[in-house]
C-alpha atoms as a PDB file:
ATOM      1  CA  MET A   1       0.320  14.053  22.900  1.00  0.00           C
ATOM      2  CA  GLY A   2       2.449  16.812  21.170  1.00  0.00           C
ATOM      3  CA  ARG A   3       5.676  15.630  22.515  1.00  0.00           C
ATOM      4  CA  TYR A   4       4.825  12.131  21.325  1.00  0.00           C
ATOM      5  CA  VAL A   5       4.125  12.699  18.284  1.00  0.00           C
ATOM      6  CA  VAL A   6       7.486  14.855  18.017  1.00  0.00           C
ATOM      7  CA  ARG A   7       9.298  11.749  19.419  1.00  0.00           C
ATOM      8  CA  ARG A   8       7.916   9.866  16.898  1.00  0.00           C
ATOM      9  CA  LEU A   9       8.804  12.083  13.942  1.00  0.00           C
ATOM     10  CA  LEU A  10      12.524  12.248  15.260  1.00  0.00           C
ATOM     11  CA  GLN A  11      12.348   8.367  15.570  1.00  0.00           C
ATOM     12  CA  MET A  12      11.175   8.330  11.414  1.00  0.00           C
ATOM     13  CA  VAL A  13      14.427  10.059  10.717  1.00  0.00           C
ATOM     14  CA  PRO A  14      16.850   7.297  11.038  1.00  0.00           C
ATOM     15  CA  VAL A  15      14.478   4.764   9.945  1.00  0.00           C
ATOM     16  CA  PHE A  16      13.942   6.978   6.811  1.00  0.00           C
ATOM     17  CA  ILE A  17      17.818   7.233   6.328  1.00  0.00           C
ATOM     18  CA  GLY A  18      18.401   3.552   6.802  1.00  0.00           C
ATOM     19  CA  THR A  19      15.396   2.431   4.832  1.00  0.00           C
ATOM     20  CA  THR A  20      16.046   4.743   1.620  1.00  0.00           C
ATOM     21  CA  PHE A  21      20.035   4.067   1.709  1.00  0.00           C
ATOM     22  CA  LEU A  22      19.226   0.180   1.284  1.00  0.00           C
ATOM     23  CA  ILE A  23      16.841   0.881  -1.720  1.00  0.00           C
ATOM     24  CA  PHE A  24      19.602   3.186  -3.146  1.00  0.00           C
ATOM     25  CA  VAL A  25      22.611   0.616  -2.646  1.00  0.00           C
ATOM     26  CA  MET A  26      20.529  -2.435  -4.143  1.00  0.00           C
ATOM     27  CA  VAL A  27      19.279  -0.566  -7.043  1.00  0.00           C
ATOM     28  CA  TYR A  28      22.600   1.523  -7.979  1.00  0.00           C
ATOM     29  CA  ALA A  29      25.046  -1.372  -7.199  1.00  0.00           C
ATOM     30  CA  VAL A  30      23.301  -3.740  -9.620  1.00  0.00           C
ATOM     31  CA  GLY A  31      23.862  -3.218 -12.826  1.00  0.00           C
ATOM     32  CA  ASP A  32      25.129  -0.412 -14.945  1.00  0.00           C
ATOM     33  CA  PRO A  33      22.100   2.164 -15.468  1.00  0.00           C
ATOM     34  CA  VAL A  34      24.021   3.902 -18.508  1.00  0.00           C
ATOM     35  CA  ASN A  35      24.721   0.688 -20.437  1.00  0.00           C
ATOM     36  CA  ALA A  36      21.029  -0.267 -19.616  1.00  0.00           C
ATOM     37  CA  MET A  37      20.400   2.970 -21.348  1.00  0.00           C
ATOM     38  CA  PHE A  38      21.842   1.859 -24.718  1.00  0.00           C
ATOM     39  CA  GLY A  39      20.438  -1.717 -24.741  1.00  0.00           C
ATOM     40  CA  ASP A  40      22.463  -4.170 -26.931  1.00  0.00           C
ATOM     41  CA  ARG A  41      24.694  -1.503 -28.120  1.00  0.00           C
ATOM     42  CA  ALA A  42      27.893  -0.460 -26.274  1.00  0.00           C
ATOM     43  CA  PRO A  43      27.657   3.193 -25.334  1.00  0.00           C
ATOM     44  CA  ASP A  44      30.549   5.444 -26.677  1.00  0.00           C
ATOM     45  CA  PRO A  45      33.258   5.816 -23.881  1.00  0.00           C
ATOM     46  CA  ALA A  46      32.942   9.218 -24.048  1.00  0.00           C
ATOM     47  CA  THR A  47      29.212   9.598 -23.873  1.00  0.00           C
ATOM     48  CA  ALA A  48      28.935   7.138 -21.259  1.00  0.00           C
ATOM     49  CA  ALA A  49      31.716   9.043 -19.256  1.00  0.00           C
ATOM     50  CA  GLN A  50      29.563  12.088 -19.752  1.00  0.00           C
ATOM     51  CA  LEU A  51      26.207  10.684 -18.505  1.00  0.00           C
ATOM     52  CA  ARG A  52      27.943   8.900 -15.765  1.00  0.00           C
ATOM     53  CA  ALA A  53      29.224  12.509 -14.518  1.00  0.00           C
ATOM     54  CA  GLU A  54      25.690  13.730 -15.133  1.00  0.00           C
ATOM     55  CA  PHE A  55      23.763  11.346 -12.917  1.00  0.00           C
ATOM     56  CA  ASN A  56      26.781  11.372 -10.441  1.00  0.00           C
ATOM     57  CA  LEU A  57      27.727   7.704 -11.229  1.00  0.00           C
ATOM     58  CA  ASP A  58      31.310   8.412 -11.139  1.00  0.00           C
ATOM     59  CA  LYS A  59      31.112   9.174  -7.509  1.00  0.00           C
ATOM     60  CA  PRO A  60      31.478   6.826  -4.360  1.00  0.00           C
ATOM     61  CA  LEU A  61      28.239   5.478  -3.599  1.00  0.00           C
ATOM     62  CA  TRP A  62      27.700   6.769  -0.160  1.00  0.00           C
ATOM     63  CA  GLN A  63      28.316  10.432  -1.748  1.00  0.00           C
ATOM     64  CA  GLN A  64      25.507   9.479  -4.554  1.00  0.00           C
ATOM     65  CA  TYR A  65      23.259   8.839  -1.911  1.00  0.00           C
ATOM     66  CA  GLY A  66      23.962  12.582  -0.211  1.00  0.00           C
ATOM     67  CA  LEU A  67      23.962  14.293  -3.346  1.00  0.00           C
ATOM     68  CA  TYR A  68      20.738  12.629  -4.041  1.00  0.00           C
ATOM     69  CA  MET A  69      18.706  13.080  -0.510  1.00  0.00           C
ATOM     70  CA  GLY A  70      20.073  16.664  -0.782  1.00  0.00           C
ATOM     71  CA  LYS A  71      18.252  16.998  -3.959  1.00  0.00           C
ATOM     72  CA  ILE A  72      15.292  15.375  -2.767  1.00  0.00           C
ATOM     73  CA  PHE A  73      14.727  17.595   0.402  1.00  0.00           C
ATOM     74  CA  SER A  74      14.857  20.766  -1.999  1.00  0.00           C
ATOM     75  CA  GLY A  75      11.912  19.040  -4.107  1.00  0.00           C
ATOM     76  CA  ASP A  76      14.341  17.693  -7.089  1.00  0.00           C
ATOM     77  CA  PHE A  77      13.943  13.927  -7.175  1.00  0.00           C
ATOM     78  CA  GLY A  78      16.157  14.514 -10.670  1.00  0.00           C
ATOM     79  CA  ASN A  79      15.426  13.076 -14.100  1.00  0.00           C
ATOM     80  CA  ALA A  80      14.671   9.741 -15.635  1.00  0.00           C
ATOM     81  CA  PHE A  81      17.326   8.669 -18.090  1.00  0.00           C
ATOM     82  CA  ASN A  82      15.122  10.046 -21.042  1.00  0.00           C
ATOM     83  CA  GLY A  83      15.399  13.764 -19.594  1.00  0.00           C
ATOM     84  CA  GLN A  84      11.957  13.745 -17.851  1.00  0.00           C
ATOM     85  CA  PRO A  85      11.374  15.061 -14.299  1.00  0.00           C
ATOM     86  CA  VAL A  86      10.917  11.969 -12.131  1.00  0.00           C
ATOM     87  CA  THR A  87       8.128  14.752 -10.521  1.00  0.00           C
ATOM     88  CA  GLU A  88       6.294  14.873 -13.878  1.00  0.00           C
ATOM     89  CA  LEU A  89       6.183  11.235 -13.694  1.00  0.00           C
ATOM     90  CA  MET A  90       4.614  11.262  -9.957  1.00  0.00           C
ATOM     91  CA  ALA A  91       2.234  13.781 -10.846  1.00  0.00           C
ATOM     92  CA  THR A  92       0.777  11.589 -13.201  1.00  0.00           C
ATOM     93  CA  ALA A  93       1.241   8.313 -11.597  1.00  0.00           C
ATOM     94  CA  PHE A  94       0.228   9.025  -7.876  1.00  0.00           C
ATOM     95  CA  PRO A  95      -3.091  10.441  -8.110  1.00  0.00           C
ATOM     96  CA  LEU A  96      -4.259   7.290 -10.245  1.00  0.00           C
ATOM     97  CA  THR A  97      -2.716   5.287  -7.490  1.00  0.00           C
ATOM     98  CA  ILE A  98      -4.056   6.564  -4.455  1.00  0.00           C
ATOM     99  CA  ARG A  99      -7.471   6.688  -6.043  1.00  0.00           C
ATOM    100  CA  LEU A 100      -7.095   2.880  -6.705  1.00  0.00           C
ATOM    101  CA  ALA A 101      -5.888   2.442  -3.112  1.00  0.00           C
ATOM    102  CA  LEU A 102      -8.748   4.686  -1.659  1.00  0.00           C
ATOM    103  CA  VAL A 103     -11.163   2.017  -3.633  1.00  0.00           C
ATOM    104  CA  ALA A 104      -9.542  -0.954  -2.330  1.00  0.00           C
ATOM    105  CA  VAL A 105      -9.353   0.245   1.415  1.00  0.00           C
ATOM    106  CA  VAL A 106     -12.775   1.326   1.131  1.00  0.00           C
ATOM    107  CA  ILE A 107     -13.899  -2.103  -0.224  1.00  0.00           C
ATOM    108  CA  GLU A 108     -11.475  -3.837   2.321  1.00  0.00           C
ATOM    109  CA  ILE A 109     -13.037  -1.719   5.092  1.00  0.00           C
ATOM    110  CA  VAL A 110     -16.882  -1.813   4.619  1.00  0.00           C
ATOM    111  CA  ILE A 111     -16.717  -5.588   3.225  1.00  0.00           C
ATOM    112  CA  GLY A 112     -13.875  -7.215   5.523  1.00  0.00           C
ATOM    113  CA  LEU A 113     -15.732  -5.103   9.033  1.00  0.00           C
ATOM    114  CA  VAL A 114     -19.345  -6.546   8.055  1.00  0.00           C
ATOM    115  CA  LEU A 115     -18.186  -9.994   7.448  1.00  0.00           C
ATOM    116  CA  GLY A 116     -15.993  -9.892  10.361  1.00  0.00           C
ATOM    117  CA  VAL A 117     -18.748  -9.078  12.834  1.00  0.00           C
ATOM    118  CA  LEU A 118     -21.129 -11.580  11.223  1.00  0.00           C
ATOM    119  CA  THR A 119     -18.851 -14.414  11.602  1.00  0.00           C
ATOM    120  CA  GLY A 120     -17.274 -13.287  15.066  1.00  0.00           C
ATOM    121  CA  LEU A 121     -21.158 -13.200  16.328  1.00  0.00           C
ATOM    122  CA  ARG A 122     -21.913 -16.591  15.093  1.00  0.00           C
ATOM    123  CA  ARG A 123     -18.518 -18.604  15.706  1.00  0.00           C
ATOM    124  CA  GLY A 124     -18.864 -22.182  14.899  1.00  0.00           C
ATOM    125  CA  ARG A 125     -21.906 -21.644  12.944  1.00  0.00           C
ATOM    126  CA  PRO A 126     -22.334 -22.623   9.152  1.00  0.00           C
ATOM    127  CA  ILE A 127     -21.774 -19.110   7.811  1.00  0.00           C
ATOM    128  CA  ASP A 128     -18.388 -18.601  10.253  1.00  0.00           C
ATOM    129  CA  SER A 129     -17.152 -21.704   8.306  1.00  0.00           C
ATOM    130  CA  GLY A 130     -18.214 -20.690   5.092  1.00  0.00           C
ATOM    131  CA  VAL A 131     -16.433 -17.170   5.181  1.00  0.00           C
ATOM    132  CA  LEU A 132     -13.518 -18.662   6.935  1.00  0.00           C
ATOM    133  CA  MET A 133     -12.936 -21.437   3.795  1.00  0.00           C
ATOM    134  CA  LEU A 134     -13.829 -18.620   1.307  1.00  0.00           C
ATOM    135  CA  THR A 135     -11.051 -16.138   2.936  1.00  0.00           C
ATOM    136  CA  LEU A 136      -8.344 -19.159   3.172  1.00  0.00           C
ATOM    137  CA  VAL A 137      -9.079 -19.575  -0.868  1.00  0.00           C
ATOM    138  CA  VAL A 138      -8.904 -15.691  -1.414  1.00  0.00           C
ATOM    139  CA  ILE A 139      -5.324 -15.859   0.779  1.00  0.00           C
ATOM    140  CA  SER A 140      -4.143 -18.838  -1.247  1.00  0.00           C
ATOM    141  CA  VAL A 141      -4.852 -17.496  -4.713  1.00  0.00           C
ATOM    142  CA  PRO A 142      -1.998 -15.040  -6.398  1.00  0.00           C
ATOM    143  CA  THR A 143      -3.147 -11.448  -7.153  1.00  0.00           C
ATOM    144  CA  PHE A 144      -2.359 -11.874 -10.935  1.00  0.00           C
ATOM    145  CA  VAL A 145      -4.480 -15.000 -11.079  1.00  0.00           C
ATOM    146  CA  THR A 146      -7.563 -13.263  -9.506  1.00  0.00           C
ATOM    147  CA  GLY A 147      -6.988 -10.197 -11.391  1.00  0.00           C
ATOM    148  CA  THR A 148      -6.629 -12.157 -14.649  1.00  0.00           C
ATOM    149  CA  VAL A 149      -9.756 -14.461 -14.452  1.00  0.00           C
ATOM    150  CA  PHE A 150     -12.123 -11.646 -13.459  1.00  0.00           C
ATOM    151  CA  GLN A 151     -10.619  -9.614 -16.400  1.00  0.00           C
ATOM    152  CA  TYR A 152     -11.061 -12.339 -18.723  1.00  0.00           C
ATOM    153  CA  LEU A 153     -14.652 -13.522 -17.260  1.00  0.00           C
ATOM    154  CA  LEU A 154     -16.255  -9.936 -16.540  1.00  0.00           C
ATOM    155  CA  GLY A 155     -14.460  -7.926 -19.537  1.00  0.00           C
ATOM    156  CA  VAL A 156     -13.638 -10.312 -22.263  1.00  0.00           C
ATOM    157  CA  ARG A 157     -16.298 -13.245 -22.030  1.00  0.00           C
ATOM    158  CA  TRP A 158     -19.097 -11.636 -20.469  1.00  0.00           C
ATOM    159  CA  GLY A 159     -18.647  -7.855 -21.525  1.00  0.00           C
ATOM    160  CA  LEU A 160     -19.765  -6.759 -18.363  1.00  0.00           C
ATOM    161  CA  ILE A 161     -16.786  -3.931 -17.749  1.00  0.00           C
ATOM    162  CA  ALA A 162     -14.009  -2.669 -19.963  1.00  0.00           C
ATOM    163  CA  PRO A 163     -11.108  -5.179 -19.789  1.00  0.00           C
ATOM    164  CA  ALA A 164      -8.765  -2.250 -19.741  1.00  0.00           C
ATOM    165  CA  VAL A 165      -8.975   1.126 -17.607  1.00  0.00           C
ATOM    166  CA  SER A 166      -8.708   4.214 -19.659  1.00  0.00           C
ATOM    167  CA  PRO A 167      -6.129   6.938 -19.021  1.00  0.00           C
ATOM    168  CA  ALA A 168      -8.934   9.025 -17.008  1.00  0.00           C
ATOM    169  CA  ALA A 169      -9.528   6.120 -14.682  1.00  0.00           C
ATOM    170  CA  PRO A 170     -12.959   7.280 -13.864  1.00  0.00           C
ATOM    171  CA  LEU A 171     -14.372   5.676 -10.416  1.00  0.00           C
ATOM    172  CA  GLY A 172     -16.528   3.307 -12.208  1.00  0.00           C
ATOM    173  CA  GLN A 173     -13.452   1.460 -14.149  1.00  0.00           C
ATOM    174  CA  LEU A 174     -11.565   1.381 -10.947  1.00  0.00           C
ATOM    175  CA  LEU A 175     -14.039  -0.564  -8.713  1.00  0.00           C
ATOM    176  CA  LEU A 176     -12.910  -4.321 -10.294  1.00  0.00           C
ATOM    177  CA  PRO A 177      -8.804  -3.413 -10.019  1.00  0.00           C
ATOM    178  CA  GLY A 178      -9.917  -2.107  -6.342  1.00  0.00           C
ATOM    179  CA  LEU A 179     -11.668  -5.338  -5.556  1.00  0.00           C
ATOM    180  CA  VAL A 180      -8.755  -7.132  -6.829  1.00  0.00           C
ATOM    181  CA  LEU A 181      -6.476  -5.316  -4.854  1.00  0.00           C
ATOM    182  CA  ALA A 182      -8.481  -5.313  -1.948  1.00  0.00           C
ATOM    183  CA  LEU A 183      -9.161  -8.960  -1.994  1.00  0.00           C
ATOM    184  CA  VAL A 184      -6.181 -10.564   0.040  1.00  0.00           C
ATOM    185  CA  SER A 185      -6.216  -7.693   2.469  1.00  0.00           C
ATOM    186  CA  LEU A 186     -10.227  -7.967   3.171  1.00  0.00           C
ATOM    187  CA  ALA A 187      -9.468 -11.679   3.818  1.00  0.00           C
ATOM    188  CA  TYR A 188      -7.289 -10.735   6.688  1.00  0.00           C
ATOM    189  CA  VAL A 189      -9.362  -7.831   8.148  1.00  0.00           C
ATOM    190  CA  THR A 190     -12.320 -10.262   8.061  1.00  0.00           C
ATOM    191  CA  ARG A 191     -10.056 -12.838  10.225  1.00  0.00           C
ATOM    192  CA  LEU A 192      -9.003 -10.243  12.533  1.00  0.00           C
ATOM    193  CA  THR A 193     -12.589  -8.832  12.958  1.00  0.00           C
ATOM    194  CA  ARG A 194     -13.786 -12.231  13.489  1.00  0.00           C
ATOM    195  CA  THR A 195     -11.229 -13.190  15.805  1.00  0.00           C
ATOM    196  CA  SER A 196     -11.283 -10.024  17.849  1.00  0.00           C
ATOM    197  CA  ILE A 197     -14.788  -9.726  18.088  1.00  0.00           C
ATOM    198  CA  ALA A 198     -15.322 -13.481  19.273  1.00  0.00           C
ATOM    199  CA  GLU A 199     -12.800 -12.594  22.049  1.00  0.00           C
ATOM    200  CA  ASN A 200     -14.143  -9.450  23.005  1.00  0.00           C
ATOM    201  CA  SER A 201     -17.850 -10.482  23.330  1.00  0.00           C
ATOM    202  CA  ARG A 202     -17.119 -12.647  26.460  1.00  0.00           C
ATOM    203  CA  ALA A 203     -15.822  -9.638  28.078  1.00  0.00           C
ATOM    204  CA  ASP A 204     -17.231  -8.360  31.316  1.00  0.00           C
ATOM    205  CA  TYR A 205     -17.988  -4.936  29.550  1.00  0.00           C
ATOM    206  CA  VAL A 206     -20.304  -6.419  27.169  1.00  0.00           C
ATOM    207  CA  ARG A 207     -22.117  -8.450  29.584  1.00  0.00           C
ATOM    208  CA  THR A 208     -22.631  -5.600  31.740  1.00  0.00           C
ATOM    209  CA  ALA A 209     -23.661  -3.145  28.835  1.00  0.00           C
ATOM    210  CA  VAL A 210     -26.368  -6.326  28.081  1.00  0.00           C
ATOM    211  CA  ALA A 211     -27.596  -6.471  31.523  1.00  0.00           C
ATOM    212  CA  LYS A 212     -27.988  -2.641  31.663  1.00  0.00           C
ATOM    213  CA  GLY A 213     -30.658  -3.389  28.849  1.00  0.00           C
ATOM    214  CA  LEU A 214     -28.911  -1.664  26.090  1.00  0.00           C
ATOM    215  CA  PRO A 215     -30.021  -2.521  22.484  1.00  0.00           C
ATOM    216  CA  ARG A 216     -27.704  -5.468  20.844  1.00  0.00           C
ATOM    217  CA  ARG A 217     -27.133  -2.981  18.132  1.00  0.00           C
ATOM    218  CA  ARG A 218     -25.676  -0.506  20.162  1.00  0.00           C
ATOM    219  CA  VAL A 219     -23.568  -2.840  22.248  1.00  0.00           C
ATOM    220  CA  THR A 220     -22.062  -4.232  19.055  1.00  0.00           C
ATOM    221  CA  VAL A 221     -21.301  -1.229  17.398  1.00  0.00           C
ATOM    222  CA  ARG A 222     -20.579   1.184  20.493  1.00  0.00           C
ATOM    223  CA  HIS A 223     -18.980  -1.128  22.771  1.00  0.00           C
ATOM    224  CA  LEU A 224     -17.895  -4.361  21.050  1.00  0.00           C
ATOM    225  CA  LEU A 225     -16.807  -3.298  17.682  1.00  0.00           C
ATOM    226  CA  ARG A 226     -14.981  -0.040  18.942  1.00  0.00           C
ATOM    227  CA  ASN A 227     -12.755  -2.247  21.226  1.00  0.00           C
ATOM    228  CA  SER A 228     -12.103  -5.126  18.706  1.00  0.00           C
ATOM    229  CA  LEU A 229     -10.902  -2.333  15.748  1.00  0.00           C
ATOM    230  CA  ILE A 230      -7.311  -1.999  17.329  1.00  0.00           C
ATOM    231  CA  PRO A 231      -5.781  -4.770  15.677  1.00  0.00           C
ATOM    232  CA  VAL A 232      -7.620  -4.353  12.401  1.00  0.00           C
ATOM    233  CA  VAL A 233      -6.692  -0.809  12.283  1.00  0.00           C
ATOM    234  CA  THR A 234      -3.012  -1.918  12.997  1.00  0.00           C
ATOM    235  CA  PHE A 235      -3.265  -4.242  10.029  1.00  0.00           C
ATOM    236  CA  LEU A 236      -4.978  -1.124   8.000  1.00  0.00           C
ATOM    237  CA  GLY A 237      -2.209   1.218   8.932  1.00  0.00           C
ATOM    238  CA  THR A 238       0.431  -1.114   7.221  1.00  0.00           C
ATOM    239  CA  ASP A 239      -1.668  -2.019   4.370  1.00  0.00           C
ATOM    240  CA  VAL A 240      -1.960   1.316   2.987  1.00  0.00           C
ATOM    241  CA  GLY A 241       2.204   1.468   1.886  1.00  0.00           C
ATOM    242  CA  THR A 242       1.391  -2.133   0.650  1.00  0.00           C
ATOM    243  CA  LEU A 243      -1.594  -1.454  -1.436  1.00  0.00           C
ATOM    244  CA  MET A 244       0.272   1.554  -3.453  1.00  0.00           C
ATOM    245  CA  ALA A 245       3.452  -0.584  -3.665  1.00  0.00           C
ATOM    246  CA  GLY A 246       1.205  -4.144  -4.401  1.00  0.00           C
ATOM    247  CA  ALA A 247      -0.607  -2.185  -6.934  1.00  0.00           C
ATOM    248  CA  LEU A 248       1.996  -3.122  -9.887  1.00  0.00           C
ATOM    249  CA  VAL A 249       0.175  -6.379 -10.309  1.00  0.00           C
ATOM    250  CA  THR A 250      -3.097  -4.913 -10.479  1.00  0.00           C
ATOM    251  CA  GLU A 251      -2.123  -1.753 -12.441  1.00  0.00           C
ATOM    252  CA  ARG A 252      -0.387  -4.109 -14.910  1.00  0.00           C
ATOM    253  CA  ILE A 253      -3.371  -6.332 -15.647  1.00  0.00           C
ATOM    254  CA  PHE A 254      -5.694  -3.467 -16.248  1.00  0.00           C
ATOM    255  CA  ASN A 255      -3.284  -1.141 -17.712  1.00  0.00           C
ATOM    256  CA  ILE A 256      -3.261   1.633 -15.213  1.00  0.00           C
ATOM    257  CA  HIS A 257      -0.339   3.983 -15.652  1.00  0.00           C
ATOM    258  CA  GLY A 258      -0.058   4.521 -11.797  1.00  0.00           C
ATOM    259  CA  VAL A 259       2.813   3.988  -9.522  1.00  0.00           C
ATOM    260  CA  GLY A 260       3.032   0.016  -9.912  1.00  0.00           C
ATOM    261  CA  PHE A 261       3.443   0.748 -13.820  1.00  0.00           C
ATOM    262  CA  GLN A 262       6.143   3.502 -13.381  1.00  0.00           C
ATOM    263  CA  LEU A 263       8.344   1.064 -10.995  1.00  0.00           C
ATOM    264  CA  TRP A 264       7.686  -1.678 -13.360  1.00  0.00           C
ATOM    265  CA  GLN A 265       9.005   0.582 -16.130  1.00  0.00           C
ATOM    266  CA  GLY A 266      11.567   1.834 -14.217  1.00  0.00           C
ATOM    267  CA  ILE A 267      13.121  -1.793 -12.934  1.00  0.00           C
ATOM    268  CA  VAL A 268      12.704  -3.187 -16.413  1.00  0.00           C
ATOM    269  CA  ARG A 269      14.708  -0.409 -18.055  1.00  0.00           C
ATOM    270  CA  GLN A 270      16.970  -0.097 -15.056  1.00  0.00           C
ATOM    271  CA  ASN A 271      15.939   3.490 -14.541  1.00  0.00           C
ATOM    272  CA  SER A 272      17.108   4.005 -11.441  1.00  0.00           C
ATOM    273  CA  PRO A 273      16.452   7.547 -10.510  1.00  0.00           C
ATOM    274  CA  THR A 274      12.655   6.695 -11.143  1.00  0.00           C
ATOM    275  CA  VAL A 275      12.704   3.409  -8.924  1.00  0.00           C
ATOM    276  CA  VAL A 276      14.277   5.217  -6.208  1.00  0.00           C
ATOM    277  CA  GLY A 277      12.363   8.454  -6.199  1.00  0.00           C
ATOM    278  CA  PHE A 278       9.089   6.550  -6.404  1.00  0.00           C
ATOM    279  CA  VAL A 279      10.184   4.129  -3.642  1.00  0.00           C
ATOM    280  CA  THR A 280      11.299   7.237  -1.312  1.00  0.00           C
ATOM    281  CA  VAL A 281       7.888   8.603  -1.613  1.00  0.00           C
ATOM    282  CA  LEU A 282       6.225   4.989  -0.804  1.00  0.00           C
ATOM    283  CA  VAL A 283       8.731   4.973   2.850  1.00  0.00           C
ATOM    284  CA  ILE A 284       7.426   8.258   3.519  1.00  0.00           C
ATOM    285  CA  VAL A 285       3.652   7.210   2.900  1.00  0.00           C
ATOM    286  CA  PHE A 286       4.337   4.151   5.104  1.00  0.00           C
ATOM    287  CA  LEU A 287       6.022   5.914   8.155  1.00  0.00           C
ATOM    288  CA  LEU A 288       3.183   8.626   8.146  1.00  0.00           C
ATOM    289  CA  ALA A 289       0.520   5.882   7.901  1.00  0.00           C
ATOM    290  CA  ASN A 290       2.244   3.937  11.061  1.00  0.00           C
ATOM    291  CA  LEU A 291       2.116   7.353  12.961  1.00  0.00           C
ATOM    292  CA  LEU A 292      -1.328   7.975  12.304  1.00  0.00           C
ATOM    293  CA  VAL A 293      -2.315   4.500  13.337  1.00  0.00           C
ATOM    294  CA  ASP A 294      -0.597   4.892  16.738  1.00  0.00           C
ATOM    295  CA  LEU A 295      -2.470   8.229  17.319  1.00  0.00           C
ATOM    296  CA  LEU A 296      -5.789   6.096  16.593  1.00  0.00           C
ATOM    297  CA  TYR A 297      -5.086   3.968  19.137  1.00  0.00           C
ATOM    298  CA  ALA A 298      -5.943   6.915  21.676  1.00  0.00           C
ATOM    299  CA  VAL A 299      -9.300   7.777  19.578  1.00  0.00           C
ATOM    300  CA  LEU A 300     -10.462   4.020  19.710  1.00  0.00           C
ATOM    301  CA  ASP A 301      -9.524   2.952  23.485  1.00  0.00           C
ATOM    302  CA  PRO A 302      -9.796   6.356  25.974  1.00  0.00           C
ATOM    303  CA  ARG A 303      -7.380   4.269  28.550  1.00  0.00           C
ATOM    304  CA  ILE A 304      -4.527   4.789  26.051  1.00  0.00           C
ATOM    305  CA  ARG A 305      -2.532   8.135  26.859  1.00  0.00           C
ATOM    306  CA  TYR A 306       0.628   9.216  24.869  1.00  0.00           C
ATOM    307  CA  VAL A 307       3.059  11.462  27.164  1.00  0.00           C
END
């Protein structure tokens, strides 16, 4: 197991370098960040040259990337164009988005697994058809539509919740944004669990467990569900990074100043250090989540061994 983890960590290095380089090129090669700082007013040539030298924009792109990565490994993500360190923005944004993502993950795991098991054990029955139709509708409707409708109905029209999340972002106010963020993933978790449960329910080990006289609940939880979770865990591992990056729409709707909000501000204002810094951290989160998923395979299925 230890050698496998080391090998996977080494494999992450070229993936990390390639991904961050592409992001760096796409962000810094589009437009002129210095001109974007001044808006419609043209900057003074001397001031523009000084700013380009300060942010290393006067150097070749590959050299800019090398200097930027060198600072990141020393814990310095640079400064935004307003002079504020990017790490300060991360310190305020990431805790909010992590809390929101955790709420979304819990919702999609609990509700998705329950609905998936119910429909998988009752395949072809009315409850199965109803849940499949409902998940198809959820997947088809964009998140910004769902979030806006929920915000208007529950927050504005009926007054059941606050239409916007306060800066403190208490857990109670994050439940609705977390549900909106989790809806599409919840639908996929439900469908994956249903399909896996329906396939494994006809397996020999399930019939053997039932023939031994084991309680139906124990067969379902200890044997059937555990062996059906591998595709679900695979999806959840990739979904962690997606939830944190995809929170952009949800955070804009509910006025949450998290990662999505900072990315949106950075893109609109062409604040390249902010965008590259936040996306670099998201890449690391995505890579570590995939490593964790691979390690969980051995926990769920004892037949899987890593050497």
